[in-house]
Amino acid sequence: MNIKLIKTESDYQAALKRLEIIFDAEIGTQESDEADILGLIIDDYERKHCPIEAPDPIEAIKIRMEEMQLKQVDLVYEIGGKSRVSEILNRKRKLTVEMIRKLTDRLGLSPNILINDYQLMR
């Protein structure tokens, strides 16, 4: 087992390749232990160098609507009126706390996604 810290993109790519090779190693073997350690080191590197931005709330709503085959009119109860739904989805108005609560229940989205800020279109 020759594990070293990941300091460069080249180190990162090499670690990913090695992990791919030993990923299915039998538990309890040296390769299994190496895979566990590599996974931790890779995760640490990715957290520092490849942060994932929070998704845009409006895009998350639109994606979930598409997945659930919903139309704007289907969100009238959660948002409040056809024109209000349109204003929200077209970024003319911000989501309120009450809207976020109702959309969380209706769409099964995390409130953490919906509370993220987004730009209004003027």
PDB file of N, CA and C in Angstrom:
ATOM      1  N   MET A   1       0.861  -1.171   0.000  1.00  0.00           N
ATOM      2  CA  MET A   1       0.000   0.000   0.000  1.00  0.00           C
ATOM      3  C   MET A   1       0.902   1.227   0.000  1.00  0.00           C
ATOM      4  N   ASN A   2       0.761   2.041  -1.043  1.00  0.00           N
ATOM      5  CA  ASN A   2       1.586   3.238  -1.186  1.00  0.00           C
ATOM      6  C   ASN A   2       0.663   4.444  -1.365  1.00  0.00           C
ATOM      7  N   ILE A   3       0.095   4.941  -0.272  1.00  0.00           N
ATOM      8  CA  ILE A   3      -0.855   6.048  -0.323  1.00  0.00           C
ATOM      9  C   ILE A   3      -0.146   7.332   0.075  1.00  0.00           C
ATOM     10  N   LYS A   4      -0.431   8.400  -0.697  1.00  0.00           N
ATOM     11  CA  LYS A   4       0.125   9.703  -0.349  1.00  0.00           C
ATOM     12  C   LYS A   4      -0.987  10.739  -0.465  1.00  0.00           C
ATOM     13  N   LEU A   5      -0.773  11.866   0.155  1.00  0.00           N
ATOM     14  CA  LEU A   5      -1.748  12.943   0.086  1.00  0.00           C
ATOM     15  C   LEU A   5      -1.901  13.439  -1.348  1.00  0.00           C
ATOM     16  N   ILE A   6      -3.075  13.918  -1.655  1.00  0.00           N
ATOM     17  CA  ILE A   6      -3.343  14.464  -2.991  1.00  0.00           C
ATOM     18  C   ILE A   6      -3.055  15.959  -2.939  1.00  0.00           C
ATOM     19  N   LYS A   7      -2.057  16.374  -3.708  1.00  0.00           N
ATOM     20  CA  LYS A   7      -1.658  17.779  -3.704  1.00  0.00           C
ATOM     21  C   LYS A   7      -1.883  18.458  -5.048  1.00  0.00           C
ATOM     22  N   THR A   8      -1.986  17.666  -6.100  1.00  0.00           N
ATOM     23  CA  THR A   8      -2.139  18.237  -7.443  1.00  0.00           C
ATOM     24  C   THR A   8      -3.266  17.520  -8.187  1.00  0.00           C
ATOM     25  N   GLU A   9      -3.676  18.095  -9.293  1.00  0.00           N
ATOM     26  CA  GLU A   9      -4.686  17.468 -10.155  1.00  0.00           C
ATOM     27  C   GLU A   9      -4.181  16.111 -10.648  1.00  0.00           C
ATOM     28  N   SER A  10      -2.895  16.026 -10.928  1.00  0.00           N
ATOM     29  CA  SER A  10      -2.296  14.768 -11.376  1.00  0.00           C
ATOM     30  C   SER A  10      -2.399  13.697 -10.283  1.00  0.00           C
ATOM     31  N   ASP A  11      -2.107  14.083  -9.045  1.00  0.00           N
ATOM     32  CA  ASP A  11      -2.259  13.162  -7.911  1.00  0.00           C
ATOM     33  C   ASP A  11      -3.708  12.697  -7.798  1.00  0.00           C
ATOM     34  N   TYR A  12      -4.623  13.637  -7.964  1.00  0.00           N
ATOM     35  CA  TYR A  12      -6.059  13.349  -7.873  1.00  0.00           C
ATOM     36  C   TYR A  12      -6.484  12.324  -8.926  1.00  0.00           C
ATOM     37  N   GLN A  13      -6.063  12.543 -10.160  1.00  0.00           N
ATOM     38  CA  GLN A  13      -6.422  11.622 -11.243  1.00  0.00           C
ATOM     39  C   GLN A  13      -5.829  10.230 -10.997  1.00  0.00           C
ATOM     40  N   ALA A  14      -4.612  10.188 -10.508  1.00  0.00           N
ATOM     41  CA  ALA A  14      -3.963   8.904 -10.206  1.00  0.00           C
ATOM     42  C   ALA A  14      -4.717   8.184  -9.086  1.00  0.00           C
ATOM     43  N   ALA A  15      -5.143   8.925  -8.077  1.00  0.00           N
ATOM     44  CA  ALA A  15      -5.882   8.321  -6.968  1.00  0.00           C
ATOM     45  C   ALA A  15      -7.221   7.767  -7.455  1.00  0.00           C
ATOM     46  N   LEU A  16      -7.905   8.517  -8.331  1.00  0.00           N
ATOM     47  CA  LEU A  16      -9.180   8.038  -8.885  1.00  0.00           C
ATOM     48  C   LEU A  16      -8.980   6.740  -9.678  1.00  0.00           C
ATOM     49  N   LYS A  17      -7.929   6.709 -10.483  1.00  0.00           N
ATOM     50  CA  LYS A  17      -7.637   5.496 -11.273  1.00  0.00           C
ATOM     51  C   LYS A  17      -7.360   4.304 -10.355  1.00  0.00           C
ATOM     52  N   ARG A  18      -6.565   4.524  -9.327  1.00  0.00           N
ATOM     53  CA  ARG A  18      -6.235   3.434  -8.404  1.00  0.00           C
ATOM     54  C   ARG A  18      -7.490   2.963  -7.671  1.00  0.00           C
ATOM     55  N   LEU A  19      -8.318   3.900  -7.234  1.00  0.00           N
ATOM     56  CA  LEU A  19      -9.543   3.531  -6.537  1.00  0.00           C
ATOM     57  C   LEU A  19     -10.467   2.716  -7.441  1.00  0.00           C
ATOM     58  N   GLU A  20     -10.527   3.079  -8.695  1.00  0.00           N
ATOM     59  CA  GLU A  20     -11.352   2.334  -9.646  1.00  0.00           C
ATOM     60  C   GLU A  20     -10.887   0.879  -9.750  1.00  0.00           C
ATOM     61  N   ILE A  21      -9.604   0.673  -9.712  1.00  0.00           N
ATOM     62  CA  ILE A  21      -9.032  -0.679  -9.823  1.00  0.00           C
ATOM     63  C   ILE A  21      -9.344  -1.519  -8.582  1.00  0.00           C
ATOM     64  N   ILE A  22      -9.251  -0.923  -7.405  1.00  0.00           N
ATOM     65  CA  ILE A  22      -9.384  -1.698  -6.163  1.00  0.00           C
ATOM     66  C   ILE A  22     -10.739  -1.535  -5.485  1.00  0.00           C
ATOM     67  N   PHE A  23     -11.660  -0.842  -6.113  1.00  0.00           N
ATOM     68  CA  PHE A  23     -12.941  -0.500  -5.491  1.00  0.00           C
ATOM     69  C   PHE A  23     -13.693  -1.722  -4.962  1.00  0.00           C
ATOM     70  N   ASP A  24     -13.711  -2.795  -5.701  1.00  0.00           N
ATOM     71  CA  ASP A  24     -14.466  -3.993  -5.316  1.00  0.00           C
ATOM     72  C   ASP A  24     -13.624  -5.033  -4.579  1.00  0.00           C
ATOM     73  N   ALA A  25     -12.554  -4.591  -3.965  1.00  0.00           N
ATOM     74  CA  ALA A  25     -11.682  -5.522  -3.228  1.00  0.00           C
ATOM     75  C   ALA A  25     -12.457  -6.176  -2.091  1.00  0.00           C
ATOM     76  N   GLU A  26     -12.104  -7.412  -1.809  1.00  0.00           N
ATOM     77  CA  GLU A  26     -12.765  -8.161  -0.737  1.00  0.00           C
ATOM     78  C   GLU A  26     -12.498  -7.485   0.600  1.00  0.00           C
ATOM     79  N   ILE A  27     -13.548  -7.307   1.387  1.00  0.00           N
ATOM     80  CA  ILE A  27     -13.441  -6.648   2.692  1.00  0.00           C
ATOM     81  C   ILE A  27     -12.465  -7.412   3.581  1.00  0.00           C
ATOM     82  N   GLY A  28     -11.630  -6.653   4.254  1.00  0.00           N
ATOM     83  CA  GLY A  28     -10.653  -7.249   5.154  1.00  0.00           C
ATOM     84  C   GLY A  28      -9.279  -7.421   4.528  1.00  0.00           C
ATOM     85  N   THR A  29      -9.199  -7.181   3.211  1.00  0.00           N
ATOM     86  CA  THR A  29      -7.907  -7.302   2.543  1.00  0.00           C
ATOM     87  C   THR A  29      -7.167  -5.976   2.599  1.00  0.00           C
ATOM     88  N   GLN A  30      -5.899  -6.034   2.263  1.00  0.00           N
ATOM     89  CA  GLN A  30      -5.088  -4.818   2.235  1.00  0.00           C
ATOM     90  C   GLN A  30      -5.634  -3.842   1.186  1.00  0.00           C
ATOM     91  N   GLU A  31      -6.082  -4.368   0.044  1.00  0.00           N
ATOM     92  CA  GLU A  31      -6.632  -3.500  -1.005  1.00  0.00           C
ATOM     93  C   GLU A  31      -7.932  -2.848  -0.561  1.00  0.00           C
ATOM     94  N   SER A  32      -8.733  -3.546   0.218  1.00  0.00           N
ATOM     95  CA  SER A  32      -9.968  -2.968   0.742  1.00  0.00           C
ATOM     96  C   SER A  32      -9.653  -1.807   1.684  1.00  0.00           C
ATOM     97  N   ASP A  33      -8.662  -2.012   2.550  1.00  0.00           N
ATOM     98  CA  ASP A  33      -8.234  -0.935   3.450  1.00  0.00           C
ATOM     99  C   ASP A  33      -7.699   0.258   2.658  1.00  0.00           C
ATOM    100  N   GLU A  34      -6.920  -0.051   1.612  1.00  0.00           N
ATOM    101  CA  GLU A  34      -6.375   1.011   0.757  1.00  0.00           C
ATOM    102  C   GLU A  34      -7.513   1.783   0.093  1.00  0.00           C
ATOM    103  N   ALA A  35      -8.549   1.073  -0.364  1.00  0.00           N
ATOM    104  CA  ALA A  35      -9.691   1.731  -1.007  1.00  0.00           C
ATOM    105  C   ALA A  35     -10.402   2.657  -0.023  1.00  0.00           C
ATOM    106  N   ASP A  36     -10.565   2.214   1.205  1.00  0.00           N
ATOM    107  CA  ASP A  36     -11.204   3.048   2.233  1.00  0.00           C
ATOM    108  C   ASP A  36     -10.421   4.327   2.468  1.00  0.00           C
ATOM    109  N   ILE A  37      -9.114   4.199   2.607  1.00  0.00           N
ATOM    110  CA  ILE A  37      -8.264   5.363   2.863  1.00  0.00           C
ATOM    111  C   ILE A  37      -8.246   6.295   1.645  1.00  0.00           C
ATOM    112  N   LEU A  38      -8.120   5.715   0.459  1.00  0.00           N
ATOM    113  CA  LEU A  38      -8.137   6.532  -0.761  1.00  0.00           C
ATOM    114  C   LEU A  38      -9.449   7.303  -0.882  1.00  0.00           C
ATOM    115  N   GLY A  39     -10.548   6.647  -0.560  1.00  0.00           N
ATOM    116  CA  GLY A  39     -11.853   7.309  -0.617  1.00  0.00           C
ATOM    117  C   GLY A  39     -11.889   8.533   0.271  1.00  0.00           C
ATOM    118  N   LEU A  40     -11.343   8.417   1.466  1.00  0.00           N
ATOM    119  CA  LEU A  40     -11.303   9.549   2.393  1.00  0.00           C
ATOM    120  C   LEU A  40     -10.423  10.677   1.866  1.00  0.00           C
ATOM    121  N   ILE A  41      -9.278  10.322   1.327  1.00  0.00           N
ATOM    122  CA  ILE A  41      -8.347  11.332   0.813  1.00  0.00           C
ATOM    123  C   ILE A  41      -8.943  12.031  -0.417  1.00  0.00           C
ATOM    124  N   ILE A  42      -9.573  11.256  -1.279  1.00  0.00           N
ATOM    125  CA  ILE A  42     -10.216  11.832  -2.473  1.00  0.00           C
ATOM    126  C   ILE A  42     -11.343  12.774  -2.059  1.00  0.00           C
ATOM    127  N   ASP A  43     -12.155  12.343  -1.099  1.00  0.00           N
ATOM    128  CA  ASP A  43     -13.254  13.172  -0.618  1.00  0.00           C
ATOM    129  C   ASP A  43     -12.744  14.495  -0.057  1.00  0.00           C
ATOM    130  N   ASP A  44     -11.675  14.431   0.712  1.00  0.00           N
ATOM    131  CA  ASP A  44     -11.095  15.644   1.291  1.00  0.00           C
ATOM    132  C   ASP A  44     -10.613  16.597   0.182  1.00  0.00           C
ATOM    133  N   TYR A  45      -9.941  16.047  -0.807  1.00  0.00           N
ATOM    134  CA  TYR A  45      -9.449  16.867  -1.923  1.00  0.00           C
ATOM    135  C   TYR A  45     -10.618  17.510  -2.668  1.00  0.00           C
ATOM    136  N   GLU A  46     -11.670  16.731  -2.943  1.00  0.00           N
ATOM    137  CA  GLU A  46     -12.823  17.248  -3.691  1.00  0.00           C
ATOM    138  C   GLU A  46     -13.539  18.346  -2.916  1.00  0.00           C
ATOM    139  N   ARG A  47     -13.653  18.185  -1.613  1.00  0.00           N
ATOM    140  CA  ARG A  47     -14.310  19.222  -0.797  1.00  0.00           C
ATOM    141  C   ARG A  47     -13.547  20.549  -0.864  1.00  0.00           C
ATOM    142  N   LYS A  48     -12.238  20.457  -0.925  1.00  0.00           N
ATOM    143  CA  LYS A  48     -11.427  21.674  -0.952  1.00  0.00           C
ATOM    144  C   LYS A  48     -11.304  22.278  -2.347  1.00  0.00           C
ATOM    145  N   HIS A  49     -11.275  21.443  -3.382  1.00  0.00           N
ATOM    146  CA  HIS A  49     -10.968  21.931  -4.722  1.00  0.00           C
ATOM    147  C   HIS A  49     -12.123  21.866  -5.722  1.00  0.00           C
ATOM    148  N   CYS A  50     -13.179  21.175  -5.390  1.00  0.00           N
ATOM    149  CA  CYS A  50     -14.303  21.020  -6.320  1.00  0.00           C
ATOM    150  C   CYS A  50     -15.624  21.252  -5.590  1.00  0.00           C
ATOM    151  N   PRO A  51     -15.784  22.410  -4.939  1.00  0.00           N
ATOM    152  CA  PRO A  51     -17.024  22.618  -4.183  1.00  0.00           C
ATOM    153  C   PRO A  51     -18.233  22.638  -5.119  1.00  0.00           C
ATOM    154  N   ILE A  52     -19.314  22.091  -4.635  1.00  0.00           N
ATOM    155  CA  ILE A  52     -20.553  22.064  -5.412  1.00  0.00           C
ATOM    156  C   ILE A  52     -21.405  23.239  -4.971  1.00  0.00           C
ATOM    157  N   GLU A  53     -21.781  24.053  -5.929  1.00  0.00           N
ATOM    158  CA  GLU A  53     -22.631  25.193  -5.615  1.00  0.00           C
ATOM    159  C   GLU A  53     -24.054  24.725  -5.355  1.00  0.00           C
ATOM    160  N   ALA A  54     -24.709  25.436  -4.482  1.00  0.00           N
ATOM    161  CA  ALA A  54     -26.107  25.115  -4.196  1.00  0.00           C
ATOM    162  C   ALA A  54     -26.942  25.343  -5.452  1.00  0.00           C
ATOM    163  N   PRO A  55     -27.889  24.456  -5.695  1.00  0.00           N
ATOM    164  CA  PRO A  55     -28.713  24.626  -6.891  1.00  0.00           C
ATOM    165  C   PRO A  55     -29.607  25.856  -6.780  1.00  0.00           C
ATOM    166  N   ASP A  56     -29.915  26.417  -7.908  1.00  0.00           N
ATOM    167  CA  ASP A  56     -30.812  27.556  -7.985  1.00  0.00           C
ATOM    168  C   ASP A  56     -32.227  27.093  -7.629  1.00  0.00           C
ATOM    169  N   PRO A  57     -32.914  27.780  -6.691  1.00  0.00           N
ATOM    170  CA  PRO A  57     -34.237  27.342  -6.263  1.00  0.00           C
ATOM    171  C   PRO A  57     -35.264  27.255  -7.403  1.00  0.00           C
ATOM    172  N   ILE A  58     -35.258  28.233  -8.286  1.00  0.00           N
ATOM    173  CA  ILE A  58     -36.242  28.246  -9.366  1.00  0.00           C
ATOM    174  C   ILE A  58     -35.972  27.106 -10.342  1.00  0.00           C
ATOM    175  N   GLU A  59     -34.713  26.862 -10.654  1.00  0.00           N
ATOM    176  CA  GLU A  59     -34.382  25.727 -11.531  1.00  0.00           C
ATOM    177  C   GLU A  59     -34.768  24.407 -10.872  1.00  0.00           C
ATOM    178  N   ALA A  60     -34.552  24.304  -9.568  1.00  0.00           N
ATOM    179  CA  ALA A  60     -34.927  23.082  -8.842  1.00  0.00           C
ATOM    180  C   ALA A  60     -36.436  22.861  -8.920  1.00  0.00           C
ATOM    181  N   ILE A  61     -37.204  23.924  -8.766  1.00  0.00           N
ATOM    182  CA  ILE A  61     -38.666  23.818  -8.869  1.00  0.00           C
ATOM    183  C   ILE A  61     -39.067  23.377 -10.270  1.00  0.00           C
ATOM    184  N   LYS A  62     -38.476  24.008 -11.284  1.00  0.00           N
ATOM    185  CA  LYS A  62     -38.821  23.664 -12.672  1.00  0.00           C
ATOM    186  C   LYS A  62     -38.464  22.219 -12.998  1.00  0.00           C
ATOM    187  N   ILE A  63     -37.322  21.766 -12.534  1.00  0.00           N
ATOM    188  CA  ILE A  63     -36.901  20.380 -12.787  1.00  0.00           C
ATOM    189  C   ILE A  63     -37.880  19.416 -12.121  1.00  0.00           C
ATOM    190  N   ARG A  64     -38.231  19.698 -10.872  1.00  0.00           N
ATOM    191  CA  ARG A  64     -39.154  18.816 -10.166  1.00  0.00           C
ATOM    192  C   ARG A  64     -40.540  18.843 -10.817  1.00  0.00           C
ATOM    193  N   MET A  65     -40.963  20.011 -11.281  1.00  0.00           N
ATOM    194  CA  MET A  65     -42.252  20.095 -11.985  1.00  0.00           C
ATOM    195  C   MET A  65     -42.235  19.191 -13.214  1.00  0.00           C
ATOM    196  N   GLU A  66     -41.141  19.233 -13.955  1.00  0.00           N
ATOM    197  CA  GLU A  66     -41.016  18.404 -15.150  1.00  0.00           C
ATOM    198  C   GLU A  66     -41.033  16.923 -14.771  1.00  0.00           C
ATOM    199  N   GLU A  67     -40.288  16.566 -13.727  1.00  0.00           N
ATOM    200  CA  GLU A  67     -40.252  15.174 -13.280  1.00  0.00           C
ATOM    201  C   GLU A  67     -41.636  14.676 -12.864  1.00  0.00           C
ATOM    202  N   MET A  68     -42.408  15.568 -12.234  1.00  0.00           N
ATOM    203  CA  MET A  68     -43.734  15.189 -11.739  1.00  0.00           C
ATOM    204  C   MET A  68     -44.839  15.488 -12.756  1.00  0.00           C
ATOM    205  N   GLN A  69     -44.430  15.975 -13.929  1.00  0.00           N
ATOM    206  CA  GLN A  69     -45.354  16.336 -15.005  1.00  0.00           C
ATOM    207  C   GLN A  69     -46.413  17.331 -14.521  1.00  0.00           C
ATOM    208  N   LEU A  70     -45.932  18.372 -13.849  1.00  0.00           N
ATOM    209  CA  LEU A  70     -46.818  19.412 -13.344  1.00  0.00           C
ATOM    210  C   LEU A  70     -46.755  20.635 -14.246  1.00  0.00           C
ATOM    211  N   LYS A  71     -47.858  21.350 -14.303  1.00  0.00           N
ATOM    212  CA  LYS A  71     -47.929  22.630 -15.015  1.00  0.00           C
ATOM    213  C   LYS A  71     -47.946  23.737 -13.972  1.00  0.00           C
ATOM    214  N   GLN A  72     -47.772  24.971 -14.432  1.00  0.00           N
ATOM    215  CA  GLN A  72     -47.778  26.098 -13.504  1.00  0.00           C
ATOM    216  C   GLN A  72     -49.060  26.133 -12.684  1.00  0.00           C
ATOM    217  N   VAL A  73     -50.179  25.850 -13.307  1.00  0.00           N
ATOM    218  CA  VAL A  73     -51.470  25.905 -12.618  1.00  0.00           C
ATOM    219  C   VAL A  73     -51.527  24.914 -11.452  1.00  0.00           C
ATOM    220  N   ASP A  74     -50.718  23.856 -11.514  1.00  0.00           N
ATOM    221  CA  ASP A  74     -50.700  22.859 -10.448  1.00  0.00           C
ATOM    222  C   ASP A  74     -50.072  23.380  -9.159  1.00  0.00           C
ATOM    223  N   LEU A  75     -49.398  24.523  -9.229  1.00  0.00           N
ATOM    224  CA  LEU A  75     -48.748  25.091  -8.037  1.00  0.00           C
ATOM    225  C   LEU A  75     -49.484  26.313  -7.488  1.00  0.00           C
ATOM    226  N   VAL A  76     -50.703  26.525  -7.941  1.00  0.00           N
ATOM    227  CA  VAL A  76     -51.473  27.685  -7.483  1.00  0.00           C
ATOM    228  C   VAL A  76     -51.675  27.652  -5.969  1.00  0.00           C
ATOM    229  N   TYR A  77     -52.013  26.503  -5.405  1.00  0.00           N
ATOM    230  CA  TYR A  77     -52.224  26.415  -3.957  1.00  0.00           C
ATOM    231  C   TYR A  77     -50.941  26.764  -3.195  1.00  0.00           C
ATOM    232  N   GLU A  78     -49.815  26.247  -3.660  1.00  0.00           N
ATOM    233  CA  GLU A  78     -48.553  26.459  -2.945  1.00  0.00           C
ATOM    234  C   GLU A  78     -48.036  27.887  -3.087  1.00  0.00           C
ATOM    235  N   ILE A  79     -48.278  28.509  -4.234  1.00  0.00           N
ATOM    236  CA  ILE A  79     -47.690  29.825  -4.492  1.00  0.00           C
ATOM    237  C   ILE A  79     -48.722  30.950  -4.414  1.00  0.00           C
ATOM    238  N   GLY A  80     -49.966  30.686  -4.834  1.00  0.00           N
ATOM    239  CA  GLY A  80     -51.013  31.694  -4.682  1.00  0.00           C
ATOM    240  C   GLY A  80     -51.410  32.404  -5.958  1.00  0.00           C
ATOM    241  N   GLY A  81     -52.187  31.786  -6.799  1.00  0.00           N
ATOM    242  CA  GLY A  81     -52.690  32.415  -8.011  1.00  0.00           C
ATOM    243  C   GLY A  81     -51.822  32.148  -9.222  1.00  0.00           C
ATOM    244  N   LYS A  82     -52.471  32.079 -10.378  1.00  0.00           N
ATOM    245  CA  LYS A  82     -51.753  31.782 -11.623  1.00  0.00           C
ATOM    246  C   LYS A  82     -50.685  32.833 -11.918  1.00  0.00           C
ATOM    247  N   SER A  83     -51.043  34.099 -11.749  1.00  0.00           N
ATOM    248  CA  SER A  83     -50.074  35.146 -12.069  1.00  0.00           C
ATOM    249  C   SER A  83     -48.892  35.127 -11.094  1.00  0.00           C
ATOM    250  N   ARG A  84     -49.148  34.793  -9.840  1.00  0.00           N
ATOM    251  CA  ARG A  84     -48.074  34.720  -8.847  1.00  0.00           C
ATOM    252  C   ARG A  84     -47.114  33.577  -9.193  1.00  0.00           C
ATOM    253  N   VAL A  85     -47.647  32.429  -9.610  1.00  0.00           N
ATOM    254  CA  VAL A  85     -46.805  31.303 -10.017  1.00  0.00           C
ATOM    255  C   VAL A  85     -45.906  31.737 -11.167  1.00  0.00           C
ATOM    256  N   SER A  86     -46.489  32.422 -12.132  1.00  0.00           N
ATOM    257  CA  SER A  86     -45.732  32.896 -13.285  1.00  0.00           C
ATOM    258  C   SER A  86     -44.637  33.872 -12.853  1.00  0.00           C
ATOM    259  N   GLU A  87     -44.972  34.784 -11.945  1.00  0.00           N
ATOM    260  CA  GLU A  87     -43.983  35.750 -11.461  1.00  0.00           C
ATOM    261  C   GLU A  87     -42.814  35.042 -10.775  1.00  0.00           C
ATOM    262  N   ILE A  88     -43.114  34.040  -9.962  1.00  0.00           N
ATOM    263  CA  ILE A  88     -42.055  33.295  -9.264  1.00  0.00           C
ATOM    264  C   ILE A  88     -41.181  32.560 -10.276  1.00  0.00           C
ATOM    265  N   LEU A  89     -41.812  31.805 -11.175  1.00  0.00           N
ATOM    266  CA  LEU A  89     -41.050  30.983 -12.116  1.00  0.00           C
ATOM    267  C   LEU A  89     -40.291  31.818 -13.145  1.00  0.00           C
ATOM    268  N   ASN A  90     -40.723  33.048 -13.353  1.00  0.00           N
ATOM    269  CA  ASN A  90     -40.022  33.956 -14.269  1.00  0.00           C
ATOM    270  C   ASN A  90     -39.118  34.936 -13.522  1.00  0.00           C
ATOM    271  N   ARG A  91     -38.914  34.672 -12.247  1.00  0.00           N
ATOM    272  CA  ARG A  91     -37.980  35.435 -11.415  1.00  0.00           C
ATOM    273  C   ARG A  91     -38.344  36.911 -11.280  1.00  0.00           C
ATOM    274  N   LYS A  92     -39.625  37.181 -11.247  1.00  0.00           N
ATOM    275  CA  LYS A  92     -40.087  38.559 -11.050  1.00  0.00           C
ATOM    276  C   LYS A  92     -40.370  38.831  -9.577  1.00  0.00           C
ATOM    277  N   ARG A  93     -40.479  37.766  -8.792  1.00  0.00           N
ATOM    278  CA  ARG A  93     -40.815  37.872  -7.381  1.00  0.00           C
ATOM    279  C   ARG A  93     -40.081  36.766  -6.618  1.00  0.00           C
ATOM    280  N   LYS A  94     -39.735  37.051  -5.373  1.00  0.00           N
ATOM    281  CA  LYS A  94     -39.034  36.077  -4.525  1.00  0.00           C
ATOM    282  C   LYS A  94     -40.035  35.137  -3.846  1.00  0.00           C
ATOM    283  N   LEU A  95     -39.548  33.943  -3.528  1.00  0.00           N
ATOM    284  CA  LEU A  95     -40.337  32.998  -2.745  1.00  0.00           C
ATOM    285  C   LEU A  95     -40.486  33.513  -1.318  1.00  0.00           C
ATOM    286  N   THR A  96     -41.643  33.298  -0.725  1.00  0.00           N
ATOM    287  CA  THR A  96     -41.849  33.641   0.680  1.00  0.00           C
ATOM    288  C   THR A  96     -41.637  32.388   1.518  1.00  0.00           C
ATOM    289  N   VAL A  97     -41.561  32.577   2.826  1.00  0.00           N
ATOM    290  CA  VAL A  97     -41.383  31.441   3.733  1.00  0.00           C
ATOM    291  C   VAL A  97     -42.569  30.480   3.598  1.00  0.00           C
ATOM    292  N   GLU A  98     -43.767  31.015   3.510  1.00  0.00           N
ATOM    293  CA  GLU A  98     -44.958  30.169   3.372  1.00  0.00           C
ATOM    294  C   GLU A  98     -44.922  29.375   2.068  1.00  0.00           C
ATOM    295  N   MET A  99     -44.514  30.008   0.988  1.00  0.00           N
ATOM    296  CA  MET A  99     -44.391  29.305  -0.291  1.00  0.00           C
ATOM    297  C   MET A  99     -43.373  28.175  -0.179  1.00  0.00           C
ATOM    298  N   ILE A 100     -42.243  28.459   0.459  1.00  0.00           N
ATOM    299  CA  ILE A 100     -41.187  27.459   0.620  1.00  0.00           C
ATOM    300  C   ILE A 100     -41.712  26.257   1.409  1.00  0.00           C
ATOM    301  N   ARG A 101     -42.450  26.519   2.476  1.00  0.00           N
ATOM    302  CA  ARG A 101     -43.022  25.419   3.262  1.00  0.00           C
ATOM    303  C   ARG A 101     -43.933  24.543   2.403  1.00  0.00           C
ATOM    304  N   LYS A 102     -44.820  25.184   1.669  1.00  0.00           N
ATOM    305  CA  LYS A 102     -45.781  24.428   0.853  1.00  0.00           C
ATOM    306  C   LYS A 102     -45.097  23.701  -0.304  1.00  0.00           C
ATOM    307  N   LEU A 103     -44.132  24.357  -0.939  1.00  0.00           N
ATOM    308  CA  LEU A 103     -43.417  23.718  -2.051  1.00  0.00           C
ATOM    309  C   LEU A 103     -42.577  22.541  -1.564  1.00  0.00           C
ATOM    310  N   THR A 104     -42.020  22.658  -0.363  1.00  0.00           N
ATOM    311  CA  THR A 104     -41.254  21.559   0.217  1.00  0.00           C
ATOM    312  C   THR A 104     -42.130  20.318   0.331  1.00  0.00           C
ATOM    313  N   ASP A 105     -43.335  20.512   0.831  1.00  0.00           N
ATOM    314  CA  ASP A 105     -44.270  19.381   0.963  1.00  0.00           C
ATOM    315  C   ASP A 105     -44.728  18.866  -0.391  1.00  0.00           C
ATOM    316  N   ARG A 106     -45.118  19.761  -1.262  1.00  0.00           N
ATOM    317  CA  ARG A 106     -45.698  19.351  -2.550  1.00  0.00           C
ATOM    318  C   ARG A 106     -44.678  18.698  -3.476  1.00  0.00           C
ATOM    319  N   LEU A 107     -43.492  19.300  -3.554  1.00  0.00           N
ATOM    320  CA  LEU A 107     -42.495  18.837  -4.521  1.00  0.00           C
ATOM    321  C   LEU A 107     -41.453  17.895  -3.920  1.00  0.00           C
ATOM    322  N   GLY A 108     -41.438  17.780  -2.603  1.00  0.00           N
ATOM    323  CA  GLY A 108     -40.448  16.913  -1.971  1.00  0.00           C
ATOM    324  C   GLY A 108     -39.035  17.456  -2.091  1.00  0.00           C
ATOM    325  N   LEU A 109     -38.911  18.773  -2.179  1.00  0.00           N
ATOM    326  CA  LEU A 109     -37.596  19.405  -2.252  1.00  0.00           C
ATOM    327  C   LEU A 109     -37.145  19.808  -0.852  1.00  0.00           C
ATOM    328  N   SER A 110     -35.863  19.818  -0.638  1.00  0.00           N
ATOM    329  CA  SER A 110     -35.317  20.248   0.642  1.00  0.00           C
ATOM    330  C   SER A 110     -35.526  21.752   0.808  1.00  0.00           C
ATOM    331  N   PRO A 111     -35.933  22.179   1.985  1.00  0.00           N
ATOM    332  CA  PRO A 111     -36.046  23.624   2.212  1.00  0.00           C
ATOM    333  C   PRO A 111     -34.698  24.323   2.019  1.00  0.00           C
ATOM    334  N   ASN A 112     -33.600  23.598   2.258  1.00  0.00           N
ATOM    335  CA  ASN A 112     -32.262  24.189   2.071  1.00  0.00           C
ATOM    336  C   ASN A 112     -32.036  24.622   0.632  1.00  0.00           C
ATOM    337  N   ILE A 113     -32.628  23.909  -0.311  1.00  0.00           N
ATOM    338  CA  ILE A 113     -32.510  24.294  -1.721  1.00  0.00           C
ATOM    339  C   ILE A 113     -33.342  25.543  -1.982  1.00  0.00           C
ATOM    340  N   LEU A 114     -34.565  25.541  -1.460  1.00  0.00           N
ATOM    341  CA  LEU A 114     -35.495  26.625  -1.769  1.00  0.00           C
ATOM    342  C   LEU A 114     -35.158  27.946  -1.089  1.00  0.00           C
ATOM    343  N   ILE A 115     -34.409  27.907   0.019  1.00  0.00           N
ATOM    344  CA  ILE A 115     -34.091  29.168   0.699  1.00  0.00           C
ATOM    345  C   ILE A 115     -32.891  29.881   0.091  1.00  0.00           C
ATOM    346  N   ASN A 116     -32.178  29.230  -0.818  1.00  0.00           N
ATOM    347  CA  ASN A 116     -31.033  29.887  -1.457  1.00  0.00           C
ATOM    348  C   ASN A 116     -31.490  31.112  -2.232  1.00  0.00           C
ATOM    349  N   ASP A 117     -30.655  32.120  -2.221  1.00  0.00           N
ATOM    350  CA  ASP A 117     -30.983  33.357  -2.917  1.00  0.00           C
ATOM    351  C   ASP A 117     -30.826  33.181  -4.426  1.00  0.00           C
ATOM    352  N   TYR A 118     -31.537  33.991  -5.174  1.00  0.00           N
ATOM    353  CA  TYR A 118     -31.432  33.993  -6.630  1.00  0.00           C
ATOM    354  C   TYR A 118     -31.739  35.387  -7.135  1.00  0.00           C
ATOM    355  N   GLN A 119     -31.269  35.642  -8.353  1.00  0.00           N
ATOM    356  CA  GLN A 119     -31.430  36.960  -8.959  1.00  0.00           C
ATOM    357  C   GLN A 119     -32.834  37.132  -9.534  1.00  0.00           C
ATOM    358  N   LEU A 120     -33.406  38.299  -9.280  1.00  0.00           N
ATOM    359  CA  LEU A 120     -34.678  38.640  -9.906  1.00  0.00           C
ATOM    360  C   LEU A 120     -34.400  39.210 -11.290  1.00  0.00           C
ATOM    361  N   MET A 121     -35.317  38.991 -12.200  1.00  0.00           N
ATOM    362  CA  MET A 121     -35.236  39.550 -13.547  1.00  0.00           C
ATOM    363  C   MET A 121     -36.139  40.781 -13.587  1.00  0.00           C
ATOM    364  N   ARG A 122     -35.625  41.837 -14.090  1.00  0.00           N
ATOM    365  CA  ARG A 122     -36.427  43.077 -14.145  1.00  0.00           C
ATOM    366  C   ARG A 122     -36.835  43.380 -15.551  1.00  0.00           C
TER     367      ARG A 122
END
